[in-house]
């Protein structure tokens, strides 16, 4: 994340699209996880890192219609599109659009998009 303007995370930007689970697997093997967006500052940073559609690290895989970050923590900051998440039946994961104001939309997790991984910088 970005804390008081200071970079507290290291980011890995994917170059090959993957399903949400595939993306998460790649992030975990890198030693991090899919990006968890905690502020508008971080959301804007992501928009600069990757200008296409990308997966964020949130889903309702654990409990239908209950969107949380991959580590189970609640989504405090959200940059949702209109009437989002609109909760399609079945597992949904959160995509940050490359267009439409870079807003967040829920999408079927088996779609393939680019993604950003995040891990804490150990000081």
C-alpha atoms as a PDB file:
ATOM      1  CA  UNK A   1       0.000   0.000   0.000  1.00  0.00           C
ATOM      2  CA  UNK A   2       0.854   3.665   0.152  1.00  0.00           C
ATOM      3  CA  UNK A   3       1.014   5.088   3.656  1.00  0.00           C
ATOM      4  CA  UNK A   4       1.322   8.850   4.197  1.00  0.00           C
ATOM      5  CA  UNK A   5       2.801   9.138   0.714  1.00  0.00           C
ATOM      6  CA  UNK A   6       5.479   6.551   1.549  1.00  0.00           C
ATOM      7  CA  UNK A   7       5.712   3.396  -0.499  1.00  0.00           C
ATOM      8  CA  UNK A   8       5.164   0.417   1.812  1.00  0.00           C
ATOM      9  CA  UNK A   9       4.717  -2.170  -0.936  1.00  0.00           C
ATOM     10  CA  UNK A  10       6.537  -3.622  -3.876  1.00  0.00           C
ATOM     11  CA  UNK A  11       4.384  -4.235  -6.982  1.00  0.00           C
ATOM     12  CA  UNK A  12       4.679  -6.753  -9.797  1.00  0.00           C
ATOM     13  CA  UNK A  13       2.812  -5.925 -13.006  1.00  0.00           C
ATOM     14  CA  UNK A  14       1.724  -8.923 -15.077  1.00  0.00           C
ATOM     15  CA  UNK A  15       2.289  -9.008 -18.832  1.00  0.00           C
ATOM     16  CA  UNK A  16       0.163 -12.114 -19.512  1.00  0.00           C
ATOM     17  CA  UNK A  17      -3.564 -12.286 -18.622  1.00  0.00           C
ATOM     18  CA  UNK A  18      -4.782 -14.974 -16.216  1.00  0.00           C
ATOM     19  CA  UNK A  19      -7.935 -16.054 -14.421  1.00  0.00           C
ATOM     20  CA  UNK A  20      -8.299 -14.615 -10.924  1.00  0.00           C
ATOM     21  CA  UNK A  21      -7.161 -17.887  -9.313  1.00  0.00           C
ATOM     22  CA  UNK A  22      -4.276 -18.195 -11.766  1.00  0.00           C
ATOM     23  CA  UNK A  23      -3.267 -14.592 -11.101  1.00  0.00           C
ATOM     24  CA  UNK A  24      -3.414 -15.152  -7.355  1.00  0.00           C
ATOM     25  CA  UNK A  25      -1.282 -18.278  -7.713  1.00  0.00           C
ATOM     26  CA  UNK A  26       1.387 -16.319  -9.564  1.00  0.00           C
ATOM     27  CA  UNK A  27       1.352 -13.595  -6.902  1.00  0.00           C
ATOM     28  CA  UNK A  28       1.657 -16.140  -4.079  1.00  0.00           C
ATOM     29  CA  UNK A  29       4.580 -17.889  -5.784  1.00  0.00           C
ATOM     30  CA  UNK A  30       6.261 -14.454  -6.086  1.00  0.00           C
ATOM     31  CA  UNK A  31       5.897 -14.102  -2.312  1.00  0.00           C
ATOM     32  CA  UNK A  32       3.029 -11.609  -2.336  1.00  0.00           C
ATOM     33  CA  UNK A  33      -0.687 -11.621  -3.162  1.00  0.00           C
ATOM     34  CA  UNK A  34      -3.050  -9.938  -5.590  1.00  0.00           C
ATOM     35  CA  UNK A  35      -3.071  -6.203  -4.976  1.00  0.00           C
ATOM     36  CA  UNK A  36      -5.191  -4.938  -2.077  1.00  0.00           C
ATOM     37  CA  UNK A  37      -6.275  -1.328  -2.630  1.00  0.00           C
ATOM     38  CA  UNK A  38      -6.570   0.641   0.591  1.00  0.00           C
ATOM     39  CA  UNK A  39      -6.780   4.252  -0.583  1.00  0.00           C
ATOM     40  CA  UNK A  40      -7.537   6.471  -3.551  1.00  0.00           C
ATOM     41  CA  UNK A  41      -3.783   7.166  -3.713  1.00  0.00           C
ATOM     42  CA  UNK A  42      -3.075   3.485  -4.249  1.00  0.00           C
ATOM     43  CA  UNK A  43      -5.973   3.177  -6.714  1.00  0.00           C
ATOM     44  CA  UNK A  44      -4.492   6.024  -8.770  1.00  0.00           C
ATOM     45  CA  UNK A  45      -1.035   4.433  -8.603  1.00  0.00           C
ATOM     46  CA  UNK A  46      -2.501   1.222 -10.039  1.00  0.00           C
ATOM     47  CA  UNK A  47      -4.089   3.228 -12.855  1.00  0.00           C
ATOM     48  CA  UNK A  48      -0.584   4.438 -13.749  1.00  0.00           C
ATOM     49  CA  UNK A  49       1.064   1.016 -13.410  1.00  0.00           C
ATOM     50  CA  UNK A  50      -1.375  -0.721 -15.758  1.00  0.00           C
ATOM     51  CA  UNK A  51      -3.674   1.053 -18.198  1.00  0.00           C
ATOM     52  CA  UNK A  52      -5.672  -2.063 -19.193  1.00  0.00           C
ATOM     53  CA  UNK A  53      -8.339  -4.074 -17.356  1.00  0.00           C
ATOM     54  CA  UNK A  54      -6.820  -5.777 -14.327  1.00  0.00           C
ATOM     55  CA  UNK A  55      -7.782  -8.051 -11.460  1.00  0.00           C
ATOM     56  CA  UNK A  56      -7.756  -6.692  -7.926  1.00  0.00           C
ATOM     57  CA  UNK A  57      -7.300  -9.067  -5.001  1.00  0.00           C
ATOM     58  CA  UNK A  58     -10.956  -9.101  -3.913  1.00  0.00           C
ATOM     59  CA  UNK A  59     -13.687 -11.671  -4.496  1.00  0.00           C
ATOM     60  CA  UNK A  60     -16.804 -13.281  -3.038  1.00  0.00           C
ATOM     61  CA  UNK A  61     -15.311 -16.783  -3.367  1.00  0.00           C
ATOM     62  CA  UNK A  62     -15.465 -17.463   0.389  1.00  0.00           C
ATOM     63  CA  UNK A  63     -19.089 -16.328   0.786  1.00  0.00           C
ATOM     64  CA  UNK A  64     -21.414 -15.511  -2.116  1.00  0.00           C
ATOM     65  CA  UNK A  65     -22.099 -11.746  -2.423  1.00  0.00           C
ATOM     66  CA  UNK A  66     -19.703 -10.889   0.401  1.00  0.00           C
ATOM     67  CA  UNK A  67     -16.733  -9.193  -1.257  1.00  0.00           C
ATOM     68  CA  UNK A  68     -13.521  -9.207   0.786  1.00  0.00           C
ATOM     69  CA  UNK A  69      -9.796  -9.034   0.059  1.00  0.00           C
ATOM     70  CA  UNK A  70      -7.964 -12.324  -0.478  1.00  0.00           C
ATOM     71  CA  UNK A  71      -6.702 -12.306   3.130  1.00  0.00           C
ATOM     72  CA  UNK A  72     -10.297 -11.990   4.381  1.00  0.00           C
ATOM     73  CA  UNK A  73     -10.089  -8.323   5.368  1.00  0.00           C
ATOM     74  CA  UNK A  74     -13.036  -6.033   4.528  1.00  0.00           C
ATOM     75  CA  UNK A  75     -13.002  -3.643   1.578  1.00  0.00           C
ATOM     76  CA  UNK A  76     -12.778  -0.244   3.270  1.00  0.00           C
ATOM     77  CA  UNK A  77     -11.946   1.923   0.262  1.00  0.00           C
ATOM     78  CA  UNK A  78     -13.831   1.114  -2.956  1.00  0.00           C
ATOM     79  CA  UNK A  79     -13.823   2.838  -6.335  1.00  0.00           C
ATOM     80  CA  UNK A  80     -16.979   1.080  -7.567  1.00  0.00           C
ATOM     81  CA  UNK A  81     -18.693   1.590 -10.894  1.00  0.00           C
ATOM     82  CA  UNK A  82     -22.418   2.490 -10.913  1.00  0.00           C
ATOM     83  CA  UNK A  83     -24.551  -0.113  -9.093  1.00  0.00           C
ATOM     84  CA  UNK A  84     -21.480  -2.267  -8.454  1.00  0.00           C
ATOM     85  CA  UNK A  85     -20.894  -4.901  -7.330  1.00  0.00           C
ATOM     86  CA  UNK A  86     -24.010  -6.175  -9.115  1.00  0.00           C
ATOM     87  CA  UNK A  87     -23.468  -9.699  -7.802  1.00  0.00           C
ATOM     88  CA  UNK A  88     -23.874 -12.107 -10.694  1.00  0.00           C
ATOM     89  CA  UNK A  89     -24.787 -15.593  -9.497  1.00  0.00           C
ATOM     90  CA  UNK A  90     -21.644 -17.636  -8.988  1.00  0.00           C
ATOM     91  CA  UNK A  91     -18.151 -16.634  -7.908  1.00  0.00           C
ATOM     92  CA  UNK A  92     -17.191 -13.069  -8.740  1.00  0.00           C
ATOM     93  CA  UNK A  93     -13.891 -11.273  -8.565  1.00  0.00           C
ATOM     94  CA  UNK A  94     -13.135  -7.576  -8.768  1.00  0.00           C
ATOM     95  CA  UNK A  95     -11.800  -6.041 -11.959  1.00  0.00           C
ATOM     96  CA  UNK A  96     -10.486  -2.502 -12.314  1.00  0.00           C
ATOM     97  CA  UNK A  97     -11.532  -1.335 -15.781  1.00  0.00           C
ATOM     98  CA  UNK A  98      -9.022   0.083 -18.222  1.00  0.00           C
ATOM     99  CA  UNK A  99     -11.706   2.509 -19.377  1.00  0.00           C
ATOM    100  CA  UNK A 100     -14.909   3.954 -17.855  1.00  0.00           C
ATOM    101  CA  UNK A 101     -13.007   6.029 -15.314  1.00  0.00           C
ATOM    102  CA  UNK A 102     -10.907   3.045 -14.153  1.00  0.00           C
ATOM    103  CA  UNK A 103     -13.770   2.036 -11.824  1.00  0.00           C
ATOM    104  CA  UNK A 104     -14.240  -1.364 -10.168  1.00  0.00           C
ATOM    105  CA  UNK A 105     -16.677  -3.988 -11.453  1.00  0.00           C
ATOM    106  CA  UNK A 106     -17.415  -7.543 -10.371  1.00  0.00           C
ATOM    107  CA  UNK A 107     -16.683 -10.119 -13.076  1.00  0.00           C
ATOM    108  CA  UNK A 108     -16.728 -13.928 -13.318  1.00  0.00           C
ATOM    109  CA  UNK A 109     -13.444 -15.154 -11.794  1.00  0.00           C
ATOM    110  CA  UNK A 110     -12.676 -17.405 -14.763  1.00  0.00           C
ATOM    111  CA  UNK A 111     -12.310 -14.425 -17.119  1.00  0.00           C
ATOM    112  CA  UNK A 112      -8.677 -13.638 -17.926  1.00  0.00           C
ATOM    113  CA  UNK A 113      -7.252 -10.191 -17.306  1.00  0.00           C
ATOM    114  CA  UNK A 114      -3.890  -8.701 -16.501  1.00  0.00           C
ATOM    115  CA  UNK A 115      -3.171  -8.204 -12.798  1.00  0.00           C
ATOM    116  CA  UNK A 116      -0.907  -6.563 -10.252  1.00  0.00           C
ATOM    117  CA  UNK A 117       0.711  -8.366  -7.317  1.00  0.00           C
ATOM    118  CA  UNK A 118       1.739  -6.639  -4.110  1.00  0.00           C
ATOM    119  CA  UNK A 119       4.040  -7.551  -1.257  1.00  0.00           C
ATOM    120  CA  UNK A 120       5.159  -5.632   1.784  1.00  0.00           C
ATOM    121  CA  UNK A 121       8.599  -4.079   1.706  1.00  0.00           C
ATOM    122  CA  UNK A 122      10.552  -5.508   4.624  1.00  0.00           C
ATOM    123  CA  UNK A 123      12.590  -2.725   6.194  1.00  0.00           C
END
